[in-house]
Amino acid sequence: MTTEPGAWVLAAPAPAAGELRPLVRAHGRRRPVRVHRVSDGRPLEAGRLAELLVGADGLLLVGDRRRSPRTMLPGPFAADAEGRSVPVGWLPDVGVRLGTFARAAAQVAGRTRDRVGPVAVLGQWDTRYLHLASRMEARLAACASRFRVLRWTAERLTQADLVRGLRYGLGAAVYFGHGRPEGWAGYHGLRAHHLVEQGGEPVGAVLSVTCLTASRWRTGLAFSEAVVLGGAAAGAVGAVAEVEHLENMRWMLGLADALAAGETLLGPTLLRAAPSPRPGAAEPYRILGDPLAQFVGASKAERRAEALFAPAPEDIV
């Protein structure tokens, strides 16, 4: 029995939809696509958003560049008219820079390798975050026959080598550590421009399991927005607020279990990974870019990534 994929939905002003044509075409080769023109960049009313999500597997909303991820979406998911949770992504309308994103995301959407990954586990050089990275790595050990897991935490890699490795076009990268609106505290302060200016192949998705990387506080664009708009990744996940360490641990366990269960797309992985909501708690995480970005690397990504020098501190070199 086969199940037809749901639609990929784009809601954007007409000029922005034009910039995103490469991604629209790429998704159209795999699934139904619906494009809805929105007249302004304000948040969609709940009823209108629910209508757009009927029959959809994911929606990308593009709106006023002055709006932030926090104000435009309620979380990484929204309910359709039947109450079903659907992954939703956001991007600000930044004109031709949307075209840069669209071309990179179309590359990822067009990858046809039958092997997910490689998946890089990243982390700040701090005992608490290295412990999280080790737990993630251990839980993914059962997936070794299906995809390669790379341990690229900060005690093993310099910033320059990490940036070079990420631009090999990995399937996914998951970061644990302190986060800020302008980037990661790990690796001596990684910023979006480090990845964007390096050039190379886009990552399928960059997931920052940390605080604030989708926040606009005192910055023009949040780190997670800038990474995808610069063409360094098809999708990203970041938080618009501070996140408790225990909550990050729950997300980490859920992500590992979702990948082990065979999920291959960003939004569905998050749906499976999401911890049970606490009463009254606001969901801090947001999807930036393509909510259906696939965790499939470029054709030579695995071979190139395996050659990157990343010894553990106790290794004899």
Protein backbone atom coordinates (compact mmCIF):
# COMPACT_ATOMS: atom_id res chain seq x y z
CA MET A 1 0.00 0.00 0.00
CA THR A 2 1.46 3.39 -0.96
CA THR A 3 0.60 6.74 0.56
CA GLU A 4 0.60 9.80 -1.65
CA PRO A 5 2.62 12.66 -0.21
CA GLY A 6 0.79 15.71 1.01
CA ALA A 7 1.29 19.10 -0.60
CA TRP A 8 4.17 21.51 -0.15
CA VAL A 9 2.54 24.92 0.28
CA LEU A 10 4.07 28.34 -0.26
CA ALA A 11 2.34 31.48 1.02
CA ALA A 12 4.18 34.58 -0.16
CA PRO A 13 3.79 37.96 -1.85
CA ALA A 14 3.96 37.69 -5.65
CA PRO A 15 7.55 39.05 -6.07
CA ALA A 16 8.83 36.70 -3.36
CA ALA A 17 7.06 33.73 -4.97
CA GLY A 18 8.87 34.59 -8.19
CA GLU A 19 12.26 34.45 -6.45
CA LEU A 20 11.33 31.05 -4.99
CA ARG A 21 10.47 29.42 -8.33
CA PRO A 22 13.49 27.03 -8.30
CA LEU A 23 12.31 25.51 -5.02
CA VAL A 24 8.69 25.36 -6.18
CA ARG A 25 9.77 23.42 -9.27
CA ALA A 26 12.01 21.08 -7.26
CA HIS A 27 9.20 20.12 -4.87
CA GLY A 28 6.77 19.81 -7.77
CA ARG A 29 8.75 16.86 -9.10
CA ARG A 30 8.04 14.90 -5.91
CA ARG A 31 4.68 16.03 -4.55
CA PRO A 32 1.71 18.34 -5.13
CA VAL A 33 2.60 22.02 -4.76
CA ARG A 34 0.26 24.91 -3.95
CA VAL A 35 1.28 28.56 -4.17
CA HIS A 36 -0.87 31.18 -2.46
CA ARG A 37 -0.27 34.88 -2.92
CA VAL A 38 -0.53 36.95 0.23
CA SER A 39 -1.05 40.68 -0.12
CA ASP A 40 1.05 41.80 2.82
CA GLY A 41 3.56 40.45 5.29
CA ARG A 42 1.40 40.38 8.39
CA PRO A 43 0.84 37.13 10.34
CA LEU A 44 -1.92 35.00 8.86
CA GLU A 45 -5.10 34.73 10.87
CA ALA A 46 -5.48 31.34 12.53
CA GLY A 47 -8.47 30.39 10.37
CA ARG A 48 -6.70 31.32 7.13
CA LEU A 49 -3.58 29.46 8.14
CA ALA A 50 -5.63 26.39 9.03
CA GLU A 51 -7.25 26.45 5.58
CA LEU A 52 -3.89 26.62 3.81
CA LEU A 53 -2.64 23.61 5.78
CA VAL A 54 -5.43 21.22 4.74
CA GLY A 55 -3.85 18.37 2.79
CA ALA A 56 -0.36 19.77 3.33
CA ASP A 57 2.79 18.11 4.65
CA GLY A 58 4.49 21.48 5.13
CA LEU A 59 4.07 25.21 4.54
CA LEU A 60 6.65 27.94 3.95
CA LEU A 61 5.43 31.43 4.89
CA VAL A 62 7.23 34.50 3.54
CA GLY A 63 6.35 37.89 4.99
CA ASP A 64 7.41 41.39 5.96
CA ARG A 65 11.15 41.49 6.61
CA ARG A 66 10.50 43.67 9.67
CA ARG A 67 8.63 40.80 11.28
CA SER A 68 10.52 38.24 13.33
CA PRO A 69 10.14 34.44 13.54
CA ARG A 70 8.68 34.88 17.01
CA THR A 71 5.78 37.05 15.81
CA MET A 72 5.03 35.33 12.51
CA LEU A 73 4.59 31.73 13.67
CA PRO A 74 3.31 30.13 16.87
CA GLY A 75 5.96 27.41 16.82
CA PRO A 76 7.38 24.81 14.43
CA PHE A 77 3.86 23.48 13.75
CA ALA A 78 0.37 24.85 13.21
CA ALA A 79 -2.99 23.07 13.21
CA ASP A 80 -4.99 22.64 10.03
CA ALA A 81 -8.79 22.88 9.90
CA GLU A 82 -9.04 19.30 11.20
CA GLY A 83 -6.64 19.84 14.11
CA ARG A 84 -3.72 18.02 12.48
CA SER A 85 -0.26 19.44 13.25
CA VAL A 86 1.67 20.50 10.15
CA PRO A 87 5.29 21.75 10.01
CA VAL A 88 5.53 25.44 9.08
CA GLY A 89 8.62 27.41 8.12
CA TRP A 90 9.29 31.14 7.93
CA LEU A 91 11.47 33.47 5.90
CA PRO A 92 11.47 37.27 5.71
CA ASP A 93 10.88 38.85 2.32
CA VAL A 94 14.41 40.04 1.52
CA GLY A 95 14.07 40.27 -2.27
CA VAL A 96 16.78 38.67 -4.37
CA ARG A 97 18.32 36.97 -1.33
CA LEU A 98 15.30 34.67 -1.41
CA GLY A 99 16.62 33.49 -4.76
CA THR A 100 19.92 32.49 -3.14
CA PHE A 101 18.00 30.42 -0.62
CA ALA A 102 15.72 28.93 -3.27
CA ARG A 103 18.59 27.71 -5.43
CA ALA A 104 20.34 26.08 -2.48
CA ALA A 105 17.14 24.52 -1.12
CA ALA A 106 16.27 23.25 -4.61
CA GLN A 107 19.67 21.51 -4.70
CA VAL A 108 18.80 19.72 -1.47
CA ALA A 109 15.27 18.89 -2.63
CA GLY A 110 16.70 17.43 -5.85
CA ARG A 111 19.21 15.11 -4.20
CA THR A 112 18.36 11.55 -5.13
CA ARG A 113 20.83 9.53 -3.07
CA ASP A 114 19.05 6.70 -1.27
CA ARG A 115 21.18 7.23 1.83
CA VAL A 116 20.42 9.82 4.51
CA GLY A 117 23.27 11.75 6.02
CA PRO A 118 25.94 12.13 6.95
CA VAL A 119 24.72 13.61 10.21
CA ALA A 120 27.19 15.71 12.21
CA VAL A 121 26.85 16.01 15.98
CA LEU A 122 28.28 19.38 17.04
CA GLY A 123 28.82 20.81 20.50
CA GLN A 124 30.48 23.47 22.59
CA TRP A 125 33.60 22.47 24.54
CA ASP A 126 31.77 22.26 27.84
CA THR A 127 31.13 19.15 29.93
CA ARG A 128 27.35 19.51 29.93
CA TYR A 129 27.07 19.89 26.16
CA LEU A 130 29.67 17.26 25.34
CA HIS A 131 27.57 14.90 27.46
CA LEU A 132 24.50 15.71 25.34
CA ALA A 133 26.50 15.17 22.15
CA SER A 134 27.75 11.83 23.45
CA ARG A 135 24.21 10.72 24.27
CA MET A 136 23.04 11.72 20.80
CA GLU A 137 25.95 9.86 19.21
CA ALA A 138 25.26 6.75 21.29
CA ARG A 139 21.54 6.72 20.44
CA LEU A 140 22.36 6.98 16.75
CA ALA A 141 24.86 4.12 16.88
CA ALA A 142 22.12 1.68 15.84
CA CYS A 143 21.77 3.63 12.57
CA ALA A 144 25.36 2.98 11.46
CA SER A 145 24.21 0.72 8.63
CA ARG A 146 21.90 3.44 7.24
CA PHE A 147 23.88 6.66 7.64
CA ARG A 148 27.20 7.93 8.92
CA VAL A 149 27.32 9.87 12.20
CA LEU A 150 30.20 12.32 12.57
CA ARG A 151 31.42 13.56 15.97
CA TRP A 152 32.50 17.14 15.26
CA THR A 153 32.37 18.69 18.73
CA ALA A 154 34.58 21.67 19.56
CA GLU A 155 37.30 19.70 21.36
CA ARG A 156 37.98 17.95 18.05
CA LEU A 157 37.62 20.61 15.37
CA THR A 158 38.71 24.19 14.86
CA GLN A 159 36.17 26.69 13.61
CA ALA A 160 37.80 26.79 10.17
CA ASP A 161 37.66 23.01 9.79
CA LEU A 162 34.07 22.87 11.01
CA VAL A 163 32.99 25.48 8.47
CA ARG A 164 34.81 23.66 5.69
CA GLY A 165 33.20 20.36 6.72
CA LEU A 166 29.68 21.75 6.90
CA ARG A 167 30.00 23.16 3.39
CA TYR A 168 30.68 19.68 2.02
CA GLY A 169 26.88 19.43 1.94
CA LEU A 170 25.98 17.16 4.87
CA GLY A 171 22.52 15.76 5.37
CA ALA A 172 22.11 17.42 8.76
CA ALA A 173 24.06 19.06 11.58
CA VAL A 174 22.85 19.21 15.20
CA TYR A 175 24.48 21.69 17.61
CA PHE A 176 24.44 21.54 21.42
CA GLY A 177 25.78 24.48 23.41
CA HIS A 178 25.10 28.10 24.22
CA GLY A 179 23.37 30.08 21.51
CA ARG A 180 22.86 33.77 20.82
CA PRO A 181 20.82 35.69 18.24
CA GLU A 182 23.98 36.19 16.16
CA GLY A 183 25.25 32.59 16.36
CA TRP A 184 26.79 29.82 18.43
CA ALA A 185 29.05 30.40 21.42
CA GLY A 186 30.97 27.23 20.54
CA TYR A 187 33.88 27.11 18.10
CA HIS A 188 35.07 30.54 19.32
CA GLY A 189 31.81 32.11 18.17
CA LEU A 190 30.39 30.77 14.91
CA ARG A 191 28.38 33.29 12.90
CA ALA A 192 26.23 32.89 9.80
CA HIS A 193 28.71 34.78 7.64
CA HIS A 194 31.36 32.15 8.36
CA LEU A 195 29.20 29.52 6.63
CA VAL A 196 27.79 31.75 3.91
CA GLU A 197 31.15 33.19 2.86
CA GLN A 198 32.83 29.78 2.74
CA GLY A 199 30.83 28.65 -0.27
CA GLY A 200 30.23 25.03 -1.20
CA GLU A 201 27.27 22.68 -0.96
CA PRO A 202 24.28 23.41 1.32
CA VAL A 203 23.50 21.32 4.39
CA GLY A 204 20.08 19.70 4.37
CA ALA A 205 19.23 21.21 7.76
CA VAL A 206 21.07 22.87 10.64
CA LEU A 207 19.40 22.26 14.00
CA SER A 208 20.48 24.46 16.92
CA VAL A 209 19.30 22.72 20.09
CA THR A 210 20.01 25.80 22.16
CA CYS A 211 18.72 29.25 23.03
CA LEU A 212 18.02 32.32 20.91
CA THR A 213 19.42 31.46 17.45
CA ALA A 214 16.07 32.43 15.87
CA SER A 215 15.74 35.62 17.94
CA ARG A 216 16.13 39.06 16.34
CA TRP A 217 17.25 40.70 19.60
CA ARG A 218 19.74 43.43 18.61
CA THR A 219 20.47 41.89 15.23
CA GLY A 220 19.04 42.48 11.76
CA LEU A 221 18.52 38.80 10.99
CA ALA A 222 18.70 35.92 13.41
CA PHE A 223 21.51 33.39 12.91
CA SER A 224 19.11 30.65 11.78
CA GLU A 225 17.46 33.00 9.26
CA ALA A 226 20.79 34.20 7.87
CA VAL A 227 22.17 30.67 7.42
CA VAL A 228 19.34 29.65 5.10
CA LEU A 229 19.00 32.99 3.31
CA GLY A 230 22.71 32.83 2.53
CA GLY A 231 22.34 29.42 0.89
CA ALA A 232 24.29 27.46 3.51
CA ALA A 233 21.31 25.22 4.39
CA ALA A 234 17.87 24.38 3.03
CA GLY A 235 16.33 24.51 6.47
CA ALA A 236 17.23 25.43 10.02
CA VAL A 237 15.77 25.14 13.49
CA GLY A 238 16.36 27.76 16.15
CA ALA A 239 14.77 29.14 19.30
CA VAL A 240 13.27 32.61 19.70
CA ALA A 241 13.79 32.57 23.47
CA GLU A 242 15.85 30.89 26.14
CA VAL A 243 15.30 27.14 26.46
CA GLU A 244 15.74 25.09 29.60
CA HIS A 245 18.51 22.51 29.52
CA LEU A 246 16.04 19.75 30.39
CA GLU A 247 13.85 20.75 27.44
CA ASN A 248 16.85 20.65 25.12
CA MET A 249 17.62 17.17 26.44
CA ARG A 250 14.07 16.04 25.61
CA TRP A 251 14.39 17.43 22.09
CA MET A 252 17.75 15.68 21.69
CA LEU A 253 16.31 12.31 22.70
CA GLY A 254 13.33 12.84 20.41
CA LEU A 255 15.51 13.82 17.45
CA ALA A 256 17.70 10.77 17.88
CA ASP A 257 14.69 8.46 18.10
CA ALA A 258 13.05 10.07 15.05
CA LEU A 259 16.19 9.63 12.94
CA ALA A 260 16.55 6.06 14.18
CA ALA A 261 12.93 5.43 13.18
CA GLY A 262 13.72 6.36 9.60
CA GLU A 263 12.51 9.95 9.27
CA THR A 264 14.22 11.74 6.38
CA LEU A 265 12.57 15.19 6.28
CA LEU A 266 12.98 18.12 8.67
CA GLY A 267 9.36 18.85 9.58
CA PRO A 268 8.19 15.25 10.07
CA THR A 269 11.31 14.59 12.16
CA LEU A 270 10.42 17.46 14.46
CA LEU A 271 6.81 16.27 14.70
CA ARG A 272 8.01 12.89 15.90
CA ALA A 273 10.70 14.39 18.13
CA ALA A 274 8.63 17.05 19.90
CA PRO A 275 8.35 16.60 23.67
CA SER A 276 4.89 16.60 25.18
CA PRO A 277 3.90 20.25 25.69
CA ARG A 278 3.74 21.57 29.23
CA PRO A 279 0.48 23.38 30.12
CA GLY A 280 0.80 27.08 29.38
CA ALA A 281 4.33 26.78 28.02
CA ALA A 282 5.15 28.67 24.82
CA GLU A 283 7.00 26.71 22.17
CA PRO A 284 10.33 28.51 21.59
CA TYR A 285 11.54 26.69 18.48
CA ARG A 286 10.88 27.75 14.89
CA ILE A 287 11.62 26.28 11.45
CA LEU A 288 13.45 28.68 9.14
CA GLY A 289 13.41 27.89 5.44
CA ASP A 290 12.06 24.72 3.87
CA PRO A 291 9.97 22.71 6.36
CA LEU A 292 10.41 19.63 4.14
CA ALA A 293 14.17 19.89 3.67
CA GLN A 294 15.55 16.37 3.33
CA PHE A 295 18.44 15.02 5.36
CA VAL A 296 20.33 13.87 2.28
CA GLY A 297 23.85 15.02 1.63
CA ALA A 298 25.60 15.91 -1.60
CA SER A 299 27.01 13.01 -3.64
CA LYS A 300 30.58 13.37 -2.32
CA ALA A 301 29.71 14.67 1.14
CA GLU A 302 30.28 11.45 3.03
CA ARG A 303 33.65 10.67 1.49
CA ARG A 304 34.90 14.23 1.98
CA ALA A 305 33.57 14.46 5.53
CA GLU A 306 35.22 11.20 6.58
CA ALA A 307 38.57 12.63 5.51
CA LEU A 308 38.24 15.69 7.75
CA PHE A 309 40.74 15.47 10.62
CA ALA A 310 38.67 15.33 13.83
CA PRO A 311 40.54 13.35 16.53
CA ALA A 312 39.26 12.93 20.06
CA PRO A 313 41.51 14.44 22.79
CA GLU A 314 42.62 10.99 23.92
CA ASP A 315 43.52 9.78 20.40
CA ILE A 316 47.15 9.23 19.60
CA VAL A 317 48.02 11.33 16.56
